[in-house]
PDB file of all heavy atoms in Angstrom:
ATOM      1  N   VAL A   1      -6.586  -0.681  -0.433  1.00  0.00           N
ATOM      2  CA  VAL A   1      -5.148  -0.416  -0.319  1.00  0.00           C
ATOM      3  C   VAL A   1      -4.412  -1.446   0.530  1.00  0.00           C
ATOM      4  O   VAL A   1      -3.248  -1.753   0.259  1.00  0.00           O
ATOM      5  CB  VAL A   1      -4.857   1.008   0.238  1.00  0.00           C
ATOM      6  CG1 VAL A   1      -5.271   2.073  -0.760  1.00  0.00           C
ATOM      7  CG2 VAL A   1      -5.528   1.226   1.598  1.00  0.00           C
ATOM      8  N   HIS A   2      -5.047  -1.975   1.549  1.00  0.00           N
ATOM      9  CA  HIS A   2      -4.346  -2.897   2.439  1.00  0.00           C
ATOM     10  C   HIS A   2      -3.938  -4.163   1.687  1.00  0.00           C
ATOM     11  O   HIS A   2      -4.741  -4.788   1.008  1.00  0.00           O
ATOM     12  CB  HIS A   2      -5.209  -3.282   3.637  1.00  0.00           C
ATOM     13  CG  HIS A   2      -4.470  -4.158   4.601  1.00  0.00           C
ATOM     14  ND1 HIS A   2      -3.546  -3.666   5.503  1.00  0.00           N
ATOM     15  CD2 HIS A   2      -4.475  -5.505   4.771  1.00  0.00           C
ATOM     16  CE1 HIS A   2      -3.035  -4.664   6.187  1.00  0.00           C
ATOM     17  NE2 HIS A   2      -3.574  -5.793   5.766  1.00  0.00           N
ATOM     18  N   GLY A   3      -2.660  -4.504   1.828  1.00  0.00           N
ATOM     19  CA  GLY A   3      -2.136  -5.682   1.147  1.00  0.00           C
ATOM     20  C   GLY A   3      -1.944  -5.499  -0.346  1.00  0.00           C
ATOM     21  O   GLY A   3      -1.694  -6.466  -1.065  1.00  0.00           O
ATOM     22  N   ARG A   4      -2.009  -4.258  -0.822  1.00  0.00           N
ATOM     23  CA  ARG A   4      -1.926  -4.007  -2.268  1.00  0.00           C
ATOM     24  C   ARG A   4      -0.743  -3.115  -2.639  1.00  0.00           C
ATOM     25  O   ARG A   4      -0.805  -2.318  -3.581  1.00  0.00           O
ATOM     26  CB  ARG A   4      -3.237  -3.409  -2.771  1.00  0.00           C
ATOM     27  CG  ARG A   4      -4.431  -4.337  -2.537  1.00  0.00           C
ATOM     28  CD  ARG A   4      -5.629  -3.936  -3.339  1.00  0.00           C
ATOM     29  NE  ARG A   4      -6.762  -4.825  -3.136  1.00  0.00           N
ATOM     30  CZ  ARG A   4      -6.932  -5.995  -3.749  1.00  0.00           C
ATOM     31  NH1 ARG A   4      -6.014  -6.423  -4.604  1.00  0.00           N
ATOM     32  NH2 ARG A   4      -7.984  -6.733  -3.507  1.00  0.00           N
ATOM     33  N   THR A   5       0.345  -3.230  -1.917  1.00  0.00           N
ATOM     34  CA  THR A   5       1.543  -2.455  -2.219  1.00  0.00           C
ATOM     35  C   THR A   5       1.964  -2.648  -3.671  1.00  0.00           C
ATOM     36  O   THR A   5       2.044  -3.771  -4.164  1.00  0.00           O
ATOM     37  CB  THR A   5       2.704  -2.884  -1.307  1.00  0.00           C
ATOM     38  OG1 THR A   5       2.304  -2.730   0.056  1.00  0.00           O
ATOM     39  CG2 THR A   5       3.943  -2.048  -1.569  1.00  0.00           C
ATOM     40  N   GLY A   6       2.220  -1.527  -4.359  1.00  0.00           N
ATOM     41  CA  GLY A   6       2.666  -1.574  -5.746  1.00  0.00           C
ATOM     42  C   GLY A   6       1.540  -1.591  -6.763  1.00  0.00           C
ATOM     43  O   GLY A   6       1.792  -1.419  -7.964  1.00  0.00           O
ATOM     44  N   GLU A   7       0.317  -1.775  -6.313  1.00  0.00           N
ATOM     45  CA  GLU A   7      -0.823  -1.769  -7.222  1.00  0.00           C
ATOM     46  C   GLU A   7      -1.378  -0.354  -7.353  1.00  0.00           C
ATOM     47  O   GLU A   7      -1.012   0.552  -6.604  1.00  0.00           O
ATOM     48  CB  GLU A   7      -1.912  -2.723  -6.724  1.00  0.00           C
ATOM     49  CG  GLU A   7      -1.472  -4.176  -6.647  1.00  0.00           C
ATOM     50  CD  GLU A   7      -2.573  -5.097  -6.159  1.00  0.00           C
ATOM     51  OE1 GLU A   7      -3.757  -4.725  -6.307  1.00  0.00           O
ATOM     52  OE2 GLU A   7      -2.257  -6.183  -5.636  1.00  0.00           O
ATOM     53  N   ALA A   8      -2.275  -0.160  -8.307  1.00  0.00           N
ATOM     54  CA  ALA A   8      -2.870   1.157  -8.524  1.00  0.00           C
ATOM     55  C   ALA A   8      -4.002   1.401  -7.532  1.00  0.00           C
ATOM     56  O   ALA A   8      -4.832   0.524  -7.279  1.00  0.00           O
ATOM     57  CB  ALA A   8      -3.401   1.261  -9.949  1.00  0.00           C
ATOM     58  N   CYS A   9      -4.024   2.595  -6.958  1.00  0.00           N
ATOM     59  CA  CYS A   9      -5.132   2.996  -6.091  1.00  0.00           C
ATOM     60  C   CYS A   9      -6.419   2.987  -6.915  1.00  0.00           C
ATOM     61  O   CYS A   9      -6.459   3.583  -7.998  1.00  0.00           O
ATOM     62  CB  CYS A   9      -4.878   4.387  -5.527  1.00  0.00           C
ATOM     63  SG  CYS A   9      -6.304   5.129  -4.690  1.00  0.00           S
ATOM     64  N   PRO A  10      -7.479   2.365  -6.448  1.00  0.00           N
ATOM     65  CA  PRO A  10      -8.712   2.310  -7.223  1.00  0.00           C
ATOM     66  C   PRO A  10      -9.426   3.644  -7.326  1.00  0.00           C
ATOM     67  O   PRO A  10     -10.331   3.806  -8.153  1.00  0.00           O
ATOM     68  CB  PRO A  10      -9.561   1.288  -6.453  1.00  0.00           C
ATOM     69  CG  PRO A  10      -9.041   1.339  -5.062  1.00  0.00           C
ATOM     70  CD  PRO A  10      -7.578   1.601  -5.186  1.00  0.00           C
ATOM     71  N   VAL A  11      -9.013   4.633  -6.527  1.00  0.00           N
ATOM     72  CA  VAL A  11      -9.651   5.945  -6.560  1.00  0.00           C
ATOM     73  C   VAL A  11      -8.939   6.887  -7.523  1.00  0.00           C
ATOM     74  O   VAL A  11      -9.568   7.524  -8.373  1.00  0.00           O
ATOM     75  CB  VAL A  11      -9.701   6.567  -5.146  1.00  0.00           C
ATOM     76  CG1 VAL A  11     -10.237   7.995  -5.205  1.00  0.00           C
ATOM     77  CG2 VAL A  11     -10.558   5.708  -4.224  1.00  0.00           C
ATOM     78  N   CYS A  12      -7.601   6.983  -7.409  1.00  0.00           N
ATOM     79  CA  CYS A  12      -6.867   7.984  -8.198  1.00  0.00           C
ATOM     80  C   CYS A  12      -5.858   7.392  -9.170  1.00  0.00           C
ATOM     81  O   CYS A  12      -5.342   8.096 -10.035  1.00  0.00           O
ATOM     82  CB  CYS A  12      -6.163   8.959  -7.267  1.00  0.00           C
ATOM     83  SG  CYS A  12      -4.750   8.223  -6.409  1.00  0.00           S
ATOM     84  N   GLY A  13      -5.521   6.123  -9.022  1.00  0.00           N
ATOM     85  CA  GLY A  13      -4.564   5.477  -9.925  1.00  0.00           C
ATOM     86  C   GLY A  13      -3.113   5.581  -9.492  1.00  0.00           C
ATOM     87  O   GLY A  13      -2.234   4.983 -10.124  1.00  0.00           O
ATOM     88  N   ASP A  14      -2.828   6.328  -8.422  1.00  0.00           N
ATOM     89  CA  ASP A  14      -1.466   6.396  -7.916  1.00  0.00           C
ATOM     90  C   ASP A  14      -1.054   5.019  -7.382  1.00  0.00           C
ATOM     91  O   ASP A  14      -1.893   4.154  -7.123  1.00  0.00           O
ATOM     92  CB  ASP A  14      -1.377   7.447  -6.805  1.00  0.00           C
ATOM     93  CG  ASP A  14       0.061   7.826  -6.454  1.00  0.00           C
ATOM     94  OD1 ASP A  14       0.996   7.276  -7.063  1.00  0.00           O
ATOM     95  OD2 ASP A  14       0.238   8.665  -5.541  1.00  0.00           O
ATOM     96  N   THR A  15       0.249   4.817  -7.193  1.00  0.00           N
ATOM     97  CA  THR A  15       0.749   3.545  -6.697  1.00  0.00           C
ATOM     98  C   THR A  15       0.595   3.463  -5.185  1.00  0.00           C
ATOM     99  O   THR A  15       1.001   4.376  -4.452  1.00  0.00           O
ATOM    100  CB  THR A  15       2.232   3.373  -7.063  1.00  0.00           C
ATOM    101  OG1 THR A  15       2.367   3.438  -8.477  1.00  0.00           O
ATOM    102  CG2 THR A  15       2.765   2.036  -6.567  1.00  0.00           C
ATOM    103  N   VAL A  16       0.003   2.383  -4.708  1.00  0.00           N
ATOM    104  CA  VAL A  16      -0.147   2.162  -3.270  1.00  0.00           C
ATOM    105  C   VAL A  16       1.233   1.922  -2.670  1.00  0.00           C
ATOM    106  O   VAL A  16       2.014   1.111  -3.163  1.00  0.00           O
ATOM    107  CB  VAL A  16      -1.082   0.960  -2.998  1.00  0.00           C
ATOM    108  CG1 VAL A  16      -1.109   0.628  -1.505  1.00  0.00           C
ATOM    109  CG2 VAL A  16      -2.488   1.254  -3.516  1.00  0.00           C
ATOM    110  N   ARG A  17       1.544   2.647  -1.599  1.00  0.00           N
ATOM    111  CA  ARG A  17       2.840   2.539  -0.926  1.00  0.00           C
ATOM    112  C   ARG A  17       2.689   1.809   0.408  1.00  0.00           C
ATOM    113  O   ARG A  17       1.583   1.612   0.900  1.00  0.00           O
ATOM    114  CB  ARG A  17       3.422   3.929  -0.673  1.00  0.00           C
ATOM    115  CG  ARG A  17       3.530   4.837  -1.897  1.00  0.00           C
ATOM    116  CD  ARG A  17       4.616   4.416  -2.839  1.00  0.00           C
ATOM    117  NE  ARG A  17       4.766   5.401  -3.907  1.00  0.00           N
ATOM    118  CZ  ARG A  17       5.651   6.405  -3.892  1.00  0.00           C
ATOM    119  NH1 ARG A  17       6.465   6.560  -2.866  1.00  0.00           N
ATOM    120  NH2 ARG A  17       5.721   7.260  -4.909  1.00  0.00           N
ATOM    121  N   GLU A  18       3.843   1.497   1.001  1.00  0.00           N
ATOM    122  CA  GLU A  18       3.865   0.734   2.245  1.00  0.00           C
ATOM    123  C   GLU A  18       4.858   1.337   3.225  1.00  0.00           C
ATOM    124  O   GLU A  18       5.898   1.856   2.826  1.00  0.00           O
ATOM    125  CB  GLU A  18       4.253  -0.719   1.953  1.00  0.00           C
ATOM    126  CG  GLU A  18       4.386  -1.605   3.178  1.00  0.00           C
ATOM    127  CD  GLU A  18       4.659  -3.049   2.808  1.00  0.00           C
ATOM    128  OE1 GLU A  18       3.840  -3.649   2.077  1.00  0.00           O
ATOM    129  OE2 GLU A  18       5.706  -3.576   3.253  1.00  0.00           O
ATOM    130  N   VAL A  19       4.532   1.273   4.497  1.00  0.00           N
ATOM    131  CA  VAL A  19       5.471   1.559   5.575  1.00  0.00           C
ATOM    132  C   VAL A  19       5.595   0.277   6.385  1.00  0.00           C
ATOM    133  O   VAL A  19       4.599  -0.252   6.877  1.00  0.00           O
ATOM    134  CB  VAL A  19       4.998   2.716   6.473  1.00  0.00           C
ATOM    135  CG1 VAL A  19       5.970   2.906   7.642  1.00  0.00           C
ATOM    136  CG2 VAL A  19       4.878   4.005   5.671  1.00  0.00           C
ATOM    137  N   SER A  20       6.822  -0.220   6.505  1.00  0.00           N
ATOM    138  CA  SER A  20       7.057  -1.489   7.193  1.00  0.00           C
ATOM    139  C   SER A  20       7.572  -1.251   8.605  1.00  0.00           C
ATOM    140  O   SER A  20       8.359  -0.341   8.852  1.00  0.00           O
ATOM    141  CB  SER A  20       8.086  -2.330   6.430  1.00  0.00           C
ATOM    142  OG  SER A  20       7.618  -2.630   5.134  1.00  0.00           O
ATOM    143  N   PHE A  21       7.127  -2.105   9.513  1.00  0.00           N
ATOM    144  CA  PHE A  21       7.589  -2.093  10.892  1.00  0.00           C
ATOM    145  C   PHE A  21       8.148  -3.475  11.215  1.00  0.00           C
ATOM    146  O   PHE A  21       8.212  -4.337  10.352  1.00  0.00           O
ATOM    147  CB  PHE A  21       6.449  -1.719  11.834  1.00  0.00           C
ATOM    148  CG  PHE A  21       5.853  -0.372  11.534  1.00  0.00           C
ATOM    149  CD1 PHE A  21       4.682  -0.284  10.789  1.00  0.00           C
ATOM    150  CD2 PHE A  21       6.452   0.788  11.966  1.00  0.00           C
ATOM    151  CE1 PHE A  21       4.123   0.946  10.493  1.00  0.00           C
ATOM    152  CE2 PHE A  21       5.909   2.031  11.676  1.00  0.00           C
ATOM    153  CZ  PHE A  21       4.741   2.106  10.942  1.00  0.00           C
ATOM    154  N   ALA A  22       8.532  -3.698  12.455  1.00  0.00           N
ATOM    155  CA  ALA A  22       9.173  -4.962  12.817  1.00  0.00           C
ATOM    156  C   ALA A  22       8.269  -6.158  12.575  1.00  0.00           C
ATOM    157  O   ALA A  22       8.715  -7.202  12.096  1.00  0.00           O
ATOM    158  CB  ALA A  22       9.602  -4.925  14.283  1.00  0.00           C
ATOM    159  N   ASP A  23       6.988  -6.027  12.901  1.00  0.00           N
ATOM    160  CA  ASP A  23       6.101  -7.178  12.785  1.00  0.00           C
ATOM    161  C   ASP A  23       4.809  -6.882  12.039  1.00  0.00           C
ATOM    162  O   ASP A  23       3.852  -7.651  12.099  1.00  0.00           O
ATOM    163  CB  ASP A  23       5.764  -7.734  14.172  1.00  0.00           C
ATOM    164  CG  ASP A  23       5.089  -6.706  15.065  1.00  0.00           C
ATOM    165  OD1 ASP A  23       4.971  -5.532  14.649  1.00  0.00           O
ATOM    166  OD2 ASP A  23       4.673  -7.079  16.182  1.00  0.00           O
ATOM    167  N   SER A  24       4.763  -5.759  11.330  1.00  0.00           N
ATOM    168  CA  SER A  24       3.558  -5.415  10.574  1.00  0.00           C
ATOM    169  C   SER A  24       3.909  -4.384   9.513  1.00  0.00           C
ATOM    170  O   SER A  24       5.049  -3.916   9.429  1.00  0.00           O
ATOM    171  CB  SER A  24       2.461  -4.868  11.499  1.00  0.00           C
ATOM    172  OG  SER A  24       2.863  -3.629  12.058  1.00  0.00           O
ATOM    173  N   ALA A  25       2.929  -4.045   8.707  1.00  0.00           N
ATOM    174  CA  ALA A  25       3.105  -3.016   7.683  1.00  0.00           C
ATOM    175  C   ALA A  25       1.758  -2.358   7.449  1.00  0.00           C
ATOM    176  O   ALA A  25       0.704  -2.958   7.666  1.00  0.00           O
ATOM    177  CB  ALA A  25       3.635  -3.628   6.391  1.00  0.00           C
ATOM    178  N   LEU A  26       1.808  -1.112   7.004  1.00  0.00           N
ATOM    179  CA  LEU A  26       0.577  -0.424   6.620  1.00  0.00           C
ATOM    180  C   LEU A  26       0.681  -0.016   5.164  1.00  0.00           C
ATOM    181  O   LEU A  26       1.783   0.147   4.626  1.00  0.00           O
ATOM    182  CB  LEU A  26       0.319   0.784   7.519  1.00  0.00           C
ATOM    183  CG  LEU A  26       1.281   1.979   7.463  1.00  0.00           C
ATOM    184  CD1 LEU A  26       0.972   2.945   6.315  1.00  0.00           C
ATOM    185  CD2 LEU A  26       1.258   2.733   8.790  1.00  0.00           C
ATOM    186  N   GLN A  27      -0.460   0.126   4.522  1.00  0.00           N
ATOM    187  CA  GLN A  27      -0.504   0.572   3.133  1.00  0.00           C
ATOM    188  C   GLN A  27      -1.373   1.825   3.023  1.00  0.00           C
ATOM    189  O   GLN A  27      -2.336   1.982   3.783  1.00  0.00           O
ATOM    190  CB  GLN A  27      -1.055  -0.541   2.220  1.00  0.00           C
ATOM    191  CG  GLN A  27      -0.079  -1.685   1.972  1.00  0.00           C
ATOM    192  CD  GLN A  27      -0.027  -2.683   3.106  1.00  0.00           C
ATOM    193  OE1 GLN A  27      -1.048  -3.030   3.690  1.00  0.00           O
ATOM    194  NE2 GLN A  27       1.166  -3.159   3.425  1.00  0.00           N
TER     195      GLN A  27
END
């Protein structure tokens, strides 16, 4: 999932989402 925003989750197929912060982001 990390660095794969907008791609399909390899486990369930849902779209990987992102939360952005000032100097980083999580997926």
